[in-house]
C-alpha atoms as a PDB file:
ATOM      1  CA  UNK A   1     -20.114 -46.221  24.134  1.00  0.00           C
ATOM      2  CA  UNK A   2     -17.569 -44.006  25.761  1.00  0.00           C
ATOM      3  CA  UNK A   3     -20.057 -41.702  27.375  1.00  0.00           C
ATOM      4  CA  UNK A   4     -19.000 -38.900  25.101  1.00  0.00           C
ATOM      5  CA  UNK A   5     -21.929 -36.707  24.031  1.00  0.00           C
ATOM      6  CA  UNK A   6     -22.112 -36.950  20.271  1.00  0.00           C
ATOM      7  CA  UNK A   7     -24.428 -33.936  20.032  1.00  0.00           C
ATOM      8  CA  UNK A   8     -22.894 -31.111  18.029  1.00  0.00           C
ATOM      9  CA  UNK A   9     -21.534 -28.474  20.382  1.00  0.00           C
ATOM     10  CA  UNK A  10     -22.743 -25.014  19.505  1.00  0.00           C
ATOM     11  CA  UNK A  11     -19.899 -22.645  18.785  1.00  0.00           C
ATOM     12  CA  UNK A  12     -20.155 -19.341  20.590  1.00  0.00           C
ATOM     13  CA  UNK A  13     -19.785 -16.565  18.062  1.00  0.00           C
ATOM     14  CA  UNK A  14     -20.796 -13.028  17.302  1.00  0.00           C
ATOM     15  CA  UNK A  15     -23.084 -12.594  14.293  1.00  0.00           C
ATOM     16  CA  UNK A  16     -23.047  -9.360  12.342  1.00  0.00           C
ATOM     17  CA  UNK A  17     -25.119  -8.147   9.367  1.00  0.00           C
ATOM     18  CA  UNK A  18     -24.196  -5.003   7.469  1.00  0.00           C
ATOM     19  CA  UNK A  19     -26.452  -3.008   5.168  1.00  0.00           C
ATOM     20  CA  UNK A  20     -23.766  -1.456   2.955  1.00  0.00           C
ATOM     21  CA  UNK A  21     -23.980   2.177   1.876  1.00  0.00           C
ATOM     22  CA  UNK A  22     -21.757   4.610  -0.019  1.00  0.00           C
ATOM     23  CA  UNK A  23     -21.033   6.795   3.016  1.00  0.00           C
ATOM     24  CA  UNK A  24     -22.269   4.782   6.020  1.00  0.00           C
ATOM     25  CA  UNK A  25     -23.118   1.176   6.859  1.00  0.00           C
ATOM     26  CA  UNK A  26     -26.100   0.199   9.039  1.00  0.00           C
ATOM     27  CA  UNK A  27     -25.397  -2.812  11.199  1.00  0.00           C
ATOM     28  CA  UNK A  28     -27.211  -5.280  13.414  1.00  0.00           C
ATOM     29  CA  UNK A  29     -25.055  -7.430  15.671  1.00  0.00           C
ATOM     30  CA  UNK A  30     -25.837 -10.193  18.151  1.00  0.00           C
ATOM     31  CA  UNK A  31     -23.536 -11.577  20.864  1.00  0.00           C
ATOM     32  CA  UNK A  32     -24.761 -14.036  23.523  1.00  0.00           C
ATOM     33  CA  UNK A  33     -28.364 -13.073  22.833  1.00  0.00           C
ATOM     34  CA  UNK A  34     -27.761  -9.338  23.103  1.00  0.00           C
ATOM     35  CA  UNK A  35     -28.575  -7.343  19.974  1.00  0.00           C
ATOM     36  CA  UNK A  36     -27.130  -3.951  19.060  1.00  0.00           C
ATOM     37  CA  UNK A  37     -27.875  -1.715  16.093  1.00  0.00           C
ATOM     38  CA  UNK A  38     -26.266   1.393  14.720  1.00  0.00           C
ATOM     39  CA  UNK A  39     -24.297   2.944  11.840  1.00  0.00           C
ATOM     40  CA  UNK A  40     -20.632   3.362  11.121  1.00  0.00           C
ATOM     41  CA  UNK A  41     -18.723   5.457   8.583  1.00  0.00           C
ATOM     42  CA  UNK A  42     -17.584   3.809   5.353  1.00  0.00           C
ATOM     43  CA  UNK A  43     -13.910   4.382   6.246  1.00  0.00           C
ATOM     44  CA  UNK A  44     -11.310   1.580   6.319  1.00  0.00           C
ATOM     45  CA  UNK A  45      -9.862   2.333   9.745  1.00  0.00           C
ATOM     46  CA  UNK A  46     -13.262   2.850  11.363  1.00  0.00           C
ATOM     47  CA  UNK A  47     -14.466  -0.431   9.901  1.00  0.00           C
ATOM     48  CA  UNK A  48     -11.309  -2.263  10.965  1.00  0.00           C
ATOM     49  CA  UNK A  49     -11.664  -1.114  14.600  1.00  0.00           C
ATOM     50  CA  UNK A  50     -15.374  -2.004  14.554  1.00  0.00           C
ATOM     51  CA  UNK A  51     -14.791  -5.557  13.229  1.00  0.00           C
ATOM     52  CA  UNK A  52     -11.859  -6.191  15.590  1.00  0.00           C
ATOM     53  CA  UNK A  53     -13.977  -5.175  18.577  1.00  0.00           C
ATOM     54  CA  UNK A  54     -16.815  -7.573  17.583  1.00  0.00           C
ATOM     55  CA  UNK A  55     -14.373 -10.377  16.857  1.00  0.00           C
ATOM     56  CA  UNK A  56     -12.764  -9.934  20.307  1.00  0.00           C
ATOM     57  CA  UNK A  57     -16.082 -10.568  22.094  1.00  0.00           C
ATOM     58  CA  UNK A  58     -16.190 -14.305  21.491  1.00  0.00           C
ATOM     59  CA  UNK A  59     -13.156 -14.981  19.309  1.00  0.00           C
ATOM     60  CA  UNK A  60     -15.440 -15.989  16.416  1.00  0.00           C
ATOM     61  CA  UNK A  61     -17.330 -13.716  14.060  1.00  0.00           C
ATOM     62  CA  UNK A  62     -19.678 -14.341  11.181  1.00  0.00           C
ATOM     63  CA  UNK A  63     -20.422 -11.444   8.828  1.00  0.00           C
ATOM     64  CA  UNK A  64     -23.157 -11.140   6.230  1.00  0.00           C
ATOM     65  CA  UNK A  65     -23.148  -8.406   3.605  1.00  0.00           C
ATOM     66  CA  UNK A  66     -25.504  -7.907   0.706  1.00  0.00           C
ATOM     67  CA  UNK A  67     -23.881  -7.703  -2.767  1.00  0.00           C
ATOM     68  CA  UNK A  68     -25.567  -4.376  -3.540  1.00  0.00           C
ATOM     69  CA  UNK A  69     -23.511  -2.381  -6.027  1.00  0.00           C
ATOM     70  CA  UNK A  70     -19.804  -2.894  -5.271  1.00  0.00           C
ATOM     71  CA  UNK A  71     -19.215  -1.272  -1.918  1.00  0.00           C
ATOM     72  CA  UNK A  72     -19.492  -4.601  -0.184  1.00  0.00           C
ATOM     73  CA  UNK A  73     -16.169  -5.868  -1.597  1.00  0.00           C
ATOM     74  CA  UNK A  74     -13.782  -3.916   0.618  1.00  0.00           C
ATOM     75  CA  UNK A  75     -15.897  -4.765   3.674  1.00  0.00           C
ATOM     76  CA  UNK A  76     -15.878  -8.466   2.831  1.00  0.00           C
ATOM     77  CA  UNK A  77     -12.133  -8.457   2.106  1.00  0.00           C
ATOM     78  CA  UNK A  78     -11.333  -6.700   5.394  1.00  0.00           C
ATOM     79  CA  UNK A  79     -13.558  -9.034   7.439  1.00  0.00           C
ATOM     80  CA  UNK A  80     -12.008 -12.078   5.790  1.00  0.00           C
ATOM     81  CA  UNK A  81      -8.498 -10.681   6.373  1.00  0.00           C
ATOM     82  CA  UNK A  82      -9.229 -10.291  10.114  1.00  0.00           C
ATOM     83  CA  UNK A  83     -10.336 -13.908  10.394  1.00  0.00           C
ATOM     84  CA  UNK A  84     -14.113 -13.594  10.271  1.00  0.00           C
ATOM     85  CA  UNK A  85     -16.323 -16.010   8.366  1.00  0.00           C
ATOM     86  CA  UNK A  86     -17.972 -14.037   5.582  1.00  0.00           C
ATOM     87  CA  UNK A  87     -21.036 -14.712   3.486  1.00  0.00           C
ATOM     88  CA  UNK A  88     -22.311 -12.526   0.667  1.00  0.00           C
ATOM     89  CA  UNK A  89     -26.023 -12.657  -0.160  1.00  0.00           C
ATOM     90  CA  UNK A  90     -27.577 -11.847  -3.518  1.00  0.00           C
ATOM     91  CA  UNK A  91     -29.897  -8.800  -3.323  1.00  0.00           C
ATOM     92  CA  UNK A  92     -32.748 -10.766  -4.864  1.00  0.00           C
ATOM     93  CA  UNK A  93     -32.401 -13.479  -2.236  1.00  0.00           C
ATOM     94  CA  UNK A  94     -32.417 -10.805   0.489  1.00  0.00           C
ATOM     95  CA  UNK A  95     -35.544  -9.296  -1.057  1.00  0.00           C
ATOM     96  CA  UNK A  96     -37.376 -12.619  -1.048  1.00  0.00           C
ATOM     97  CA  UNK A  97     -36.299 -13.294   2.549  1.00  0.00           C
ATOM     98  CA  UNK A  98     -37.669  -9.896   3.632  1.00  0.00           C
ATOM     99  CA  UNK A  99     -40.987 -10.700   1.934  1.00  0.00           C
ATOM    100  CA  UNK A 100     -41.089 -14.069   3.717  1.00  0.00           C
ATOM    101  CA  UNK A 101     -40.646 -12.231   7.028  1.00  0.00           C
ATOM    102  CA  UNK A 102     -43.531  -9.927   6.134  1.00  0.00           C
ATOM    103  CA  UNK A 103     -41.308  -6.817   6.178  1.00  0.00           C
ATOM    104  CA  UNK A 104     -43.295  -3.993   4.642  1.00  0.00           C
ATOM    105  CA  UNK A 105     -41.246  -0.935   5.482  1.00  0.00           C
ATOM    106  CA  UNK A 106     -37.719  -0.346   4.173  1.00  0.00           C
ATOM    107  CA  UNK A 107     -35.043   1.530   6.091  1.00  0.00           C
ATOM    108  CA  UNK A 108     -31.328   0.865   6.528  1.00  0.00           C
ATOM    109  CA  UNK A 109     -31.949  -0.131  10.145  1.00  0.00           C
ATOM    110  CA  UNK A 110     -34.768  -2.560   9.265  1.00  0.00           C
ATOM    111  CA  UNK A 111     -32.698  -4.020   6.417  1.00  0.00           C
ATOM    112  CA  UNK A 112     -29.756  -4.667   8.747  1.00  0.00           C
ATOM    113  CA  UNK A 113     -32.060  -6.435  11.236  1.00  0.00           C
ATOM    114  CA  UNK A 114     -33.570  -8.477   8.404  1.00  0.00           C
ATOM    115  CA  UNK A 115     -30.116  -9.472   7.154  1.00  0.00           C
ATOM    116  CA  UNK A 116     -29.136 -10.610  10.664  1.00  0.00           C
ATOM    117  CA  UNK A 117     -32.183 -12.927  10.704  1.00  0.00           C
ATOM    118  CA  UNK A 118     -31.110 -14.201   7.320  1.00  0.00           C
ATOM    119  CA  UNK A 119     -27.637 -14.937   8.681  1.00  0.00           C
ATOM    120  CA  UNK A 120     -29.086 -16.785  11.676  1.00  0.00           C
ATOM    121  CA  UNK A 121     -31.712 -18.830   9.835  1.00  0.00           C
ATOM    122  CA  UNK A 122     -30.331 -19.638   6.415  1.00  0.00           C
ATOM    123  CA  UNK A 123     -27.588 -22.216   5.626  1.00  0.00           C
ATOM    124  CA  UNK A 124     -24.192 -20.510   5.816  1.00  0.00           C
ATOM    125  CA  UNK A 125     -22.261 -20.393   2.550  1.00  0.00           C
ATOM    126  CA  UNK A 126     -18.723 -19.116   3.055  1.00  0.00           C
ATOM    127  CA  UNK A 127     -17.562 -16.379   0.646  1.00  0.00           C
ATOM    128  CA  UNK A 128     -14.179 -16.719  -1.023  1.00  0.00           C
ATOM    129  CA  UNK A 129     -12.236 -13.542  -1.921  1.00  0.00           C
ATOM    130  CA  UNK A 130     -10.972 -12.899  -5.436  1.00  0.00           C
ATOM    131  CA  UNK A 131      -7.921 -14.952  -6.286  1.00  0.00           C
ATOM    132  CA  UNK A 132      -4.510 -13.821  -5.082  1.00  0.00           C
ATOM    133  CA  UNK A 133      -3.256 -12.493  -8.443  1.00  0.00           C
ATOM    134  CA  UNK A 134      -6.181 -10.053  -8.675  1.00  0.00           C
ATOM    135  CA  UNK A 135      -5.700  -8.731  -5.156  1.00  0.00           C
ATOM    136  CA  UNK A 136      -1.953  -8.359  -5.731  1.00  0.00           C
ATOM    137  CA  UNK A 137      -2.615  -6.461  -8.941  1.00  0.00           C
ATOM    138  CA  UNK A 138      -4.978  -4.151  -7.079  1.00  0.00           C
ATOM    139  CA  UNK A 139      -2.181  -3.338  -4.640  1.00  0.00           C
ATOM    140  CA  UNK A 140       0.178  -2.597  -7.525  1.00  0.00           C
ATOM    141  CA  UNK A 141      -2.399  -0.413  -9.287  1.00  0.00           C
ATOM    142  CA  UNK A 142      -3.147   1.689  -6.216  1.00  0.00           C
ATOM    143  CA  UNK A 143       0.542   2.073  -5.429  1.00  0.00           C
ATOM    144  CA  UNK A 144       1.179   3.267  -8.986  1.00  0.00           C
ATOM    145  CA  UNK A 145      -1.592   5.866  -8.626  1.00  0.00           C
ATOM    146  CA  UNK A 146      -0.059   7.128  -5.368  1.00  0.00           C
ATOM    147  CA  UNK A 147       3.466   7.347  -6.839  1.00  0.00           C
ATOM    148  CA  UNK A 148       2.186   9.110  -9.952  1.00  0.00           C
ATOM    149  CA  UNK A 149       0.338  11.685  -7.821  1.00  0.00           C
ATOM    150  CA  UNK A 150       3.493  12.340  -5.739  1.00  0.00           C
ATOM    151  CA  UNK A 151       5.570  12.750  -8.889  1.00  0.00           C
ATOM    152  CA  UNK A 152       3.023  15.143 -10.427  1.00  0.00           C
ATOM    153  CA  UNK A 153       3.117  17.268  -7.239  1.00  0.00           C
ATOM    154  CA  UNK A 154       6.926  17.363  -7.339  1.00  0.00           C
ATOM    155  CA  UNK A 155       6.877  18.479 -10.983  1.00  0.00           C
ATOM    156  CA  UNK A 156       4.420  21.256 -10.131  1.00  0.00           C
ATOM    157  CA  UNK A 157       6.688  22.433  -7.278  1.00  0.00           C
ATOM    158  CA  UNK A 158       9.691  22.399  -9.601  1.00  0.00           C
ATOM    159  CA  UNK A 159       7.741  24.444 -12.154  1.00  0.00           C
ATOM    160  CA  UNK A 160       6.854  26.980  -9.477  1.00  0.00           C
ATOM    161  CA  UNK A 161      10.469  27.203  -8.296  1.00  0.00           C
ATOM    162  CA  UNK A 162      11.755  27.617 -11.861  1.00  0.00           C
ATOM    163  CA  UNK A 163       9.402  30.592 -12.370  1.00  0.00           C
ATOM    164  CA  UNK A 164      11.381  32.756  -9.935  1.00  0.00           C
ATOM    165  CA  UNK A 165      15.018  33.772 -10.169  1.00  0.00           C
ATOM    166  CA  UNK A 166      15.195  33.754  -6.360  1.00  0.00           C
ATOM    167  CA  UNK A 167      15.070  29.934  -6.125  1.00  0.00           C
ATOM    168  CA  UNK A 168      18.504  28.342  -5.533  1.00  0.00           C
ATOM    169  CA  UNK A 169      19.908  26.347  -8.421  1.00  0.00           C
ATOM    170  CA  UNK A 170      20.983  23.566  -6.037  1.00  0.00           C
ATOM    171  CA  UNK A 171      17.407  23.190  -4.807  1.00  0.00           C
ATOM    172  CA  UNK A 172      16.052  22.906  -8.344  1.00  0.00           C
ATOM    173  CA  UNK A 173      18.742  20.359  -9.145  1.00  0.00           C
ATOM    174  CA  UNK A 174      17.800  18.335  -6.074  1.00  0.00           C
ATOM    175  CA  UNK A 175      14.146  18.298  -7.093  1.00  0.00           C
ATOM    176  CA  UNK A 176      15.071  17.187 -10.614  1.00  0.00           C
ATOM    177  CA  UNK A 177      17.040  14.269  -9.142  1.00  0.00           C
ATOM    178  CA  UNK A 178      14.048  13.332  -6.970  1.00  0.00           C
ATOM    179  CA  UNK A 179      11.723  13.395  -9.980  1.00  0.00           C
ATOM    180  CA  UNK A 180      14.123  11.255 -12.001  1.00  0.00           C
ATOM    181  CA  UNK A 181      14.364   8.742  -9.165  1.00  0.00           C
ATOM    182  CA  UNK A 182      10.565   8.638  -8.868  1.00  0.00           C
ATOM    183  CA  UNK A 183      10.237   8.085 -12.628  1.00  0.00           C
ATOM    184  CA  UNK A 184      12.521   5.051 -12.253  1.00  0.00           C
ATOM    185  CA  UNK A 185      10.457   3.734  -9.328  1.00  0.00           C
ATOM    186  CA  UNK A 186       7.261   4.074 -11.326  1.00  0.00           C
ATOM    187  CA  UNK A 187       8.838   2.252 -14.269  1.00  0.00           C
ATOM    188  CA  UNK A 188      10.003  -0.571 -11.976  1.00  0.00           C
ATOM    189  CA  UNK A 189       6.633  -0.985 -10.242  1.00  0.00           C
ATOM    190  CA  UNK A 190       4.813  -0.891 -13.577  1.00  0.00           C
ATOM    191  CA  UNK A 191       7.160  -3.577 -14.975  1.00  0.00           C
ATOM    192  CA  UNK A 192       6.486  -5.790 -11.931  1.00  0.00           C
ATOM    193  CA  UNK A 193       2.747  -5.364 -12.411  1.00  0.00           C
ATOM    194  CA  UNK A 194       2.977  -6.217 -16.124  1.00  0.00           C
ATOM    195  CA  UNK A 195       5.018  -9.338 -15.225  1.00  0.00           C
ATOM    196  CA  UNK A 196       2.222 -10.362 -12.847  1.00  0.00           C
ATOM    197  CA  UNK A 197      -0.348  -9.795 -15.606  1.00  0.00           C
ATOM    198  CA  UNK A 198       1.653 -11.840 -18.136  1.00  0.00           C
ATOM    199  CA  UNK A 199       1.757 -14.790 -15.746  1.00  0.00           C
ATOM    200  CA  UNK A 200      -2.050 -14.925 -15.653  1.00  0.00           C
ATOM    201  CA  UNK A 201      -3.816 -15.880 -18.934  1.00  0.00           C
ATOM    202  CA  UNK A 202      -7.112 -14.128 -18.079  1.00  0.00           C
ATOM    203  CA  UNK A 203      -5.338 -10.910 -17.016  1.00  0.00           C
ATOM    204  CA  UNK A 204      -3.080 -10.963 -20.063  1.00  0.00           C
ATOM    205  CA  UNK A 205      -6.017 -11.357 -22.465  1.00  0.00           C
ATOM    206  CA  UNK A 206      -7.834  -8.426 -20.874  1.00  0.00           C
ATOM    207  CA  UNK A 207      -4.632  -6.349 -20.769  1.00  0.00           C
ATOM    208  CA  UNK A 208      -3.923  -6.853 -24.488  1.00  0.00           C
ATOM    209  CA  UNK A 209      -7.493  -5.815 -25.340  1.00  0.00           C
ATOM    210  CA  UNK A 210      -7.329  -2.800 -23.033  1.00  0.00           C
ATOM    211  CA  UNK A 211      -4.173  -1.283 -24.551  1.00  0.00           C
ATOM    212  CA  UNK A 212      -5.976  -1.128 -27.913  1.00  0.00           C
ATOM    213  CA  UNK A 213      -8.065   1.718 -26.440  1.00  0.00           C
ATOM    214  CA  UNK A 214      -6.730   5.067 -27.674  1.00  0.00           C
ATOM    215  CA  UNK A 215      -5.316   6.885 -24.651  1.00  0.00           C
ATOM    216  CA  UNK A 216      -4.690   3.791 -22.517  1.00  0.00           C
ATOM    217  CA  UNK A 217      -0.988   2.985 -22.080  1.00  0.00           C
ATOM    218  CA  UNK A 218       0.574   0.323 -19.827  1.00  0.00           C
ATOM    219  CA  UNK A 219       0.317   2.304 -16.595  1.00  0.00           C
ATOM    220  CA  UNK A 220      -3.315   3.200 -17.150  1.00  0.00           C
ATOM    221  CA  UNK A 221      -4.111  -0.384 -18.187  1.00  0.00           C
ATOM    222  CA  UNK A 222      -2.573  -1.725 -15.004  1.00  0.00           C
ATOM    223  CA  UNK A 223      -4.502   0.721 -12.855  1.00  0.00           C
ATOM    224  CA  UNK A 224      -7.793   0.072 -14.647  1.00  0.00           C
ATOM    225  CA  UNK A 225      -7.427  -3.703 -14.572  1.00  0.00           C
ATOM    226  CA  UNK A 226      -6.449  -3.663 -10.921  1.00  0.00           C
ATOM    227  CA  UNK A 227      -9.735  -1.975  -9.921  1.00  0.00           C
ATOM    228  CA  UNK A 228     -12.101  -3.656 -12.389  1.00  0.00           C
ATOM    229  CA  UNK A 229     -10.989  -7.308 -12.366  1.00  0.00           C
ATOM    230  CA  UNK A 230     -12.037  -7.753  -8.701  1.00  0.00           C
ATOM    231  CA  UNK A 231     -15.601  -6.699  -9.477  1.00  0.00           C
ATOM    232  CA  UNK A 232     -18.339  -9.248 -10.214  1.00  0.00           C
ATOM    233  CA  UNK A 233     -18.700  -9.647 -13.982  1.00  0.00           C
ATOM    234  CA  UNK A 234     -22.500  -9.652 -13.523  1.00  0.00           C
ATOM    235  CA  UNK A 235     -22.264  -5.926 -12.756  1.00  0.00           C
ATOM    236  CA  UNK A 236     -23.985  -3.729 -15.327  1.00  0.00           C
ATOM    237  CA  UNK A 237     -22.224  -0.833 -16.994  1.00  0.00           C
ATOM    238  CA  UNK A 238     -24.391   1.756 -15.187  1.00  0.00           C
ATOM    239  CA  UNK A 239     -23.501   0.230 -11.812  1.00  0.00           C
ATOM    240  CA  UNK A 240     -19.825   0.275 -12.821  1.00  0.00           C
ATOM    241  CA  UNK A 241     -20.076   4.002 -13.604  1.00  0.00           C
ATOM    242  CA  UNK A 242     -21.721   4.526 -10.223  1.00  0.00           C
ATOM    243  CA  UNK A 243     -18.924   2.576  -8.546  1.00  0.00           C
ATOM    244  CA  UNK A 244     -16.421   4.963 -10.062  1.00  0.00           C
ATOM    245  CA  UNK A 245     -18.402   7.968  -8.740  1.00  0.00           C
ATOM    246  CA  UNK A 246     -18.898   9.224 -12.302  1.00  0.00           C
ATOM    247  CA  UNK A 247     -22.687   9.172 -12.152  1.00  0.00           C
ATOM    248  CA  UNK A 248     -24.220  12.700 -12.446  1.00  0.00           C
ATOM    249  CA  UNK A 249     -25.940  14.255  -9.431  1.00  0.00           C
ATOM    250  CA  UNK A 250     -28.573  16.990  -9.635  1.00  0.00           C
ATOM    251  CA  UNK A 251     -28.837  19.655  -6.919  1.00  0.00           C
ATOM    252  CA  UNK A 252     -32.187  21.467  -6.735  1.00  0.00           C
ATOM    253  CA  UNK A 253     -33.898  23.161  -3.810  1.00  0.00           C
ATOM    254  CA  UNK A 254     -37.269  24.868  -4.069  1.00  0.00           C
ATOM    255  CA  UNK A 255     -37.820  26.937  -7.206  1.00  0.00           C
ATOM    256  CA  UNK A 256     -34.712  29.078  -7.162  1.00  0.00           C
ATOM    257  CA  UNK A 257     -31.717  26.880  -6.410  1.00  0.00           C
ATOM    258  CA  UNK A 258     -30.592  24.878  -9.435  1.00  0.00           C
ATOM    259  CA  UNK A 259     -26.872  24.140  -9.262  1.00  0.00           C
ATOM    260  CA  UNK A 260     -24.934  22.704 -12.157  1.00  0.00           C
ATOM    261  CA  UNK A 261     -24.979  18.895 -12.438  1.00  0.00           C
ATOM    262  CA  UNK A 262     -21.826  17.343 -11.029  1.00  0.00           C
ATOM    263  CA  UNK A 263     -20.500  13.854 -10.627  1.00  0.00           C
ATOM    264  CA  UNK A 264     -21.221  12.195  -7.274  1.00  0.00           C
ATOM    265  CA  UNK A 265     -17.590  11.310  -6.425  1.00  0.00           C
ATOM    266  CA  UNK A 266     -18.992   8.751  -3.965  1.00  0.00           C
ATOM    267  CA  UNK A 267     -17.251   5.866  -5.654  1.00  0.00           C
ATOM    268  CA  UNK A 268     -13.781   4.473  -6.266  1.00  0.00           C
ATOM    269  CA  UNK A 269     -11.340   7.358  -6.475  1.00  0.00           C
ATOM    270  CA  UNK A 270      -8.579   5.123  -7.857  1.00  0.00           C
ATOM    271  CA  UNK A 271     -10.754   4.195 -10.810  1.00  0.00           C
ATOM    272  CA  UNK A 272     -11.613   7.870 -11.489  1.00  0.00           C
ATOM    273  CA  UNK A 273      -7.905   8.791 -11.342  1.00  0.00           C
ATOM    274  CA  UNK A 274      -6.996   5.935 -13.656  1.00  0.00           C
ATOM    275  CA  UNK A 275      -9.565   7.150 -16.234  1.00  0.00           C
ATOM    276  CA  UNK A 276      -8.641  10.832 -16.285  1.00  0.00           C
ATOM    277  CA  UNK A 277      -5.459  10.764 -18.352  1.00  0.00           C
ATOM    278  CA  UNK A 278      -6.801   8.253 -20.919  1.00  0.00           C
ATOM    279  CA  UNK A 279      -9.856  10.467 -21.354  1.00  0.00           C
ATOM    280  CA  UNK A 280      -7.693  13.580 -21.726  1.00  0.00           C
ATOM    281  CA  UNK A 281      -5.475  11.792 -24.272  1.00  0.00           C
ATOM    282  CA  UNK A 282      -8.484  10.422 -26.166  1.00  0.00           C
ATOM    283  CA  UNK A 283      -9.989  13.926 -26.411  1.00  0.00           C
ATOM    284  CA  UNK A 284      -6.831  14.938 -28.365  1.00  0.00           C
ATOM    285  CA  UNK A 285      -5.772  11.844 -30.296  1.00  0.00           C
ATOM    286  CA  UNK A 286      -9.060   9.964 -30.893  1.00  0.00           C
ATOM    287  CA  UNK A 287     -11.007  11.818 -33.655  1.00  0.00           C
ATOM    288  CA  UNK A 288     -14.299  10.374 -32.463  1.00  0.00           C
ATOM    289  CA  UNK A 289     -13.703  11.361 -28.825  1.00  0.00           C
ATOM    290  CA  UNK A 290     -12.507  14.814 -29.943  1.00  0.00           C
ATOM    291  CA  UNK A 291     -15.675  15.351 -32.023  1.00  0.00           C
ATOM    292  CA  UNK A 292     -17.776  14.219 -29.044  1.00  0.00           C
ATOM    293  CA  UNK A 293     -15.967  16.730 -26.742  1.00  0.00           C
ATOM    294  CA  UNK A 294     -16.320  19.537 -29.300  1.00  0.00           C
ATOM    295  CA  UNK A 295     -20.056  18.937 -29.543  1.00  0.00           C
ATOM    296  CA  UNK A 296     -20.491  19.067 -25.788  1.00  0.00           C
ATOM    297  CA  UNK A 297     -18.466  22.320 -25.525  1.00  0.00           C
ATOM    298  CA  UNK A 298     -20.493  23.819 -28.384  1.00  0.00           C
ATOM    299  CA  UNK A 299     -23.659  23.057 -26.332  1.00  0.00           C
ATOM    300  CA  UNK A 300     -22.299  25.058 -23.435  1.00  0.00           C
ATOM    301  CA  UNK A 301     -20.520  22.412 -21.370  1.00  0.00           C
ATOM    302  CA  UNK A 302     -17.182  23.256 -19.786  1.00  0.00           C
ATOM    303  CA  UNK A 303     -14.137  21.435 -21.099  1.00  0.00           C
ATOM    304  CA  UNK A 304     -13.757  19.512 -17.819  1.00  0.00           C
ATOM    305  CA  UNK A 305     -17.394  18.383 -18.005  1.00  0.00           C
ATOM    306  CA  UNK A 306     -16.687  17.103 -21.507  1.00  0.00           C
ATOM    307  CA  UNK A 307     -13.622  15.179 -20.267  1.00  0.00           C
ATOM    308  CA  UNK A 308     -15.733  13.582 -17.507  1.00  0.00           C
ATOM    309  CA  UNK A 309     -18.300  12.573 -20.158  1.00  0.00           C
ATOM    310  CA  UNK A 310     -15.481  10.894 -22.087  1.00  0.00           C
ATOM    311  CA  UNK A 311     -14.381   9.166 -18.864  1.00  0.00           C
ATOM    312  CA  UNK A 312     -17.874   7.694 -18.548  1.00  0.00           C
ATOM    313  CA  UNK A 313     -17.876   6.583 -22.174  1.00  0.00           C
ATOM    314  CA  UNK A 314     -14.438   4.981 -21.830  1.00  0.00           C
ATOM    315  CA  UNK A 315     -15.429   3.186 -18.642  1.00  0.00           C
ATOM    316  CA  UNK A 316     -18.476   1.579 -20.262  1.00  0.00           C
ATOM    317  CA  UNK A 317     -16.309   0.446 -23.173  1.00  0.00           C
ATOM    318  CA  UNK A 318     -13.449  -0.781 -20.965  1.00  0.00           C
ATOM    319  CA  UNK A 319     -15.866  -2.716 -18.747  1.00  0.00           C
ATOM    320  CA  UNK A 320     -17.284  -4.432 -21.837  1.00  0.00           C
ATOM    321  CA  UNK A 321     -13.776  -5.178 -23.085  1.00  0.00           C
ATOM    322  CA  UNK A 322     -12.733  -6.717 -19.744  1.00  0.00           C
ATOM    323  CA  UNK A 323     -15.819  -8.912 -19.553  1.00  0.00           C
ATOM    324  CA  UNK A 324     -15.567 -10.002 -23.185  1.00  0.00           C
ATOM    325  CA  UNK A 325     -12.029  -9.193 -24.433  1.00  0.00           C
ATOM    326  CA  UNK A 326     -12.312  -7.694 -27.911  1.00  0.00           C
ATOM    327  CA  UNK A 327     -10.364  -4.892 -29.632  1.00  0.00           C
ATOM    328  CA  UNK A 328     -11.628  -1.369 -29.010  1.00  0.00           C
ATOM    329  CA  UNK A 329     -13.701   0.365 -31.703  1.00  0.00           C
ATOM    330  CA  UNK A 330     -14.263   4.107 -31.087  1.00  0.00           C
ATOM    331  CA  UNK A 331     -16.908   4.226 -33.840  1.00  0.00           C
ATOM    332  CA  UNK A 332     -19.162   2.045 -31.702  1.00  0.00           C
ATOM    333  CA  UNK A 333     -18.652   4.182 -28.599  1.00  0.00           C
ATOM    334  CA  UNK A 334     -19.205   7.759 -29.780  1.00  0.00           C
ATOM    335  CA  UNK A 335     -22.256   8.797 -31.751  1.00  0.00           C
ATOM    336  CA  UNK A 336     -20.840  11.469 -34.013  1.00  0.00           C
ATOM    337  CA  UNK A 337     -21.320  12.977 -37.469  1.00  0.00           C
ATOM    338  CA  UNK A 338     -19.145  11.738 -40.271  1.00  0.00           C
ATOM    339  CA  UNK A 339     -15.465  12.654 -39.772  1.00  0.00           C
ATOM    340  CA  UNK A 340     -13.519  13.715 -42.820  1.00  0.00           C
END
């Protein structure tokens, strides 16, 4: 014997449980026996500062999030990136643990406290982020969306300048050069993303199936794949629609206030943006989608509401295609009278 204590030395760490929400996260955190609870905004920079501060307390941080919906993914990715140990618990397992604790009430604050107890008592199973190719593709997809938005804004400004004779010809020429340069950048980034997809058999199979959808070209396919391939394939279509913020929300107050139903917009804005142009194109070029839109408009819906309805339809079809790659069939998606 060397006199060395072979007992396992406890590692001092901060333990954090987050009850994930669309707008805010409730948290329960313990460091050196001291427990704190509160809420923080579901904003990347706010979350980064929060996690960095907890990590700095002991130099080690364990984070538990519940895989409710899909909002947990960005939280788990950020915590993992910062060097924290992350575990993701199945909602059903969390529910059973709460029952075992005898928890009868349900609030975000109570759920966060319950999740902290789960983190402390249950065996820790480290979460692994989606593979590198999927995360890289997500970066490409979001960058393409940003560049496309910038280019669309430039084209709108050029259109406005061209509408008045007072605008200098040299200024219009400069804007045209900028737009041409941006078009080339978008083409280059899209080509790089497609190269990444072609190097990955699973991505390539999904990509080939996706471009069979009327209205989905290469750029849209890249953007859609980049947001959807990182999601758990166990996610149901309804939850996927909610993730995109395309789920309808009613607004009623008392007996007199009944506002028009609108989409929640609480979800993934990149996914909504990636769906808009395919839906618009489908409403023109896909006879089944066009008939669906015309029926909605005839029933009193605005054209934009009809386009959003097509976005929802497309997303459910695209999600099914990605999970089980098969060619797209519009006849199975839109319930419509016989088309001549």
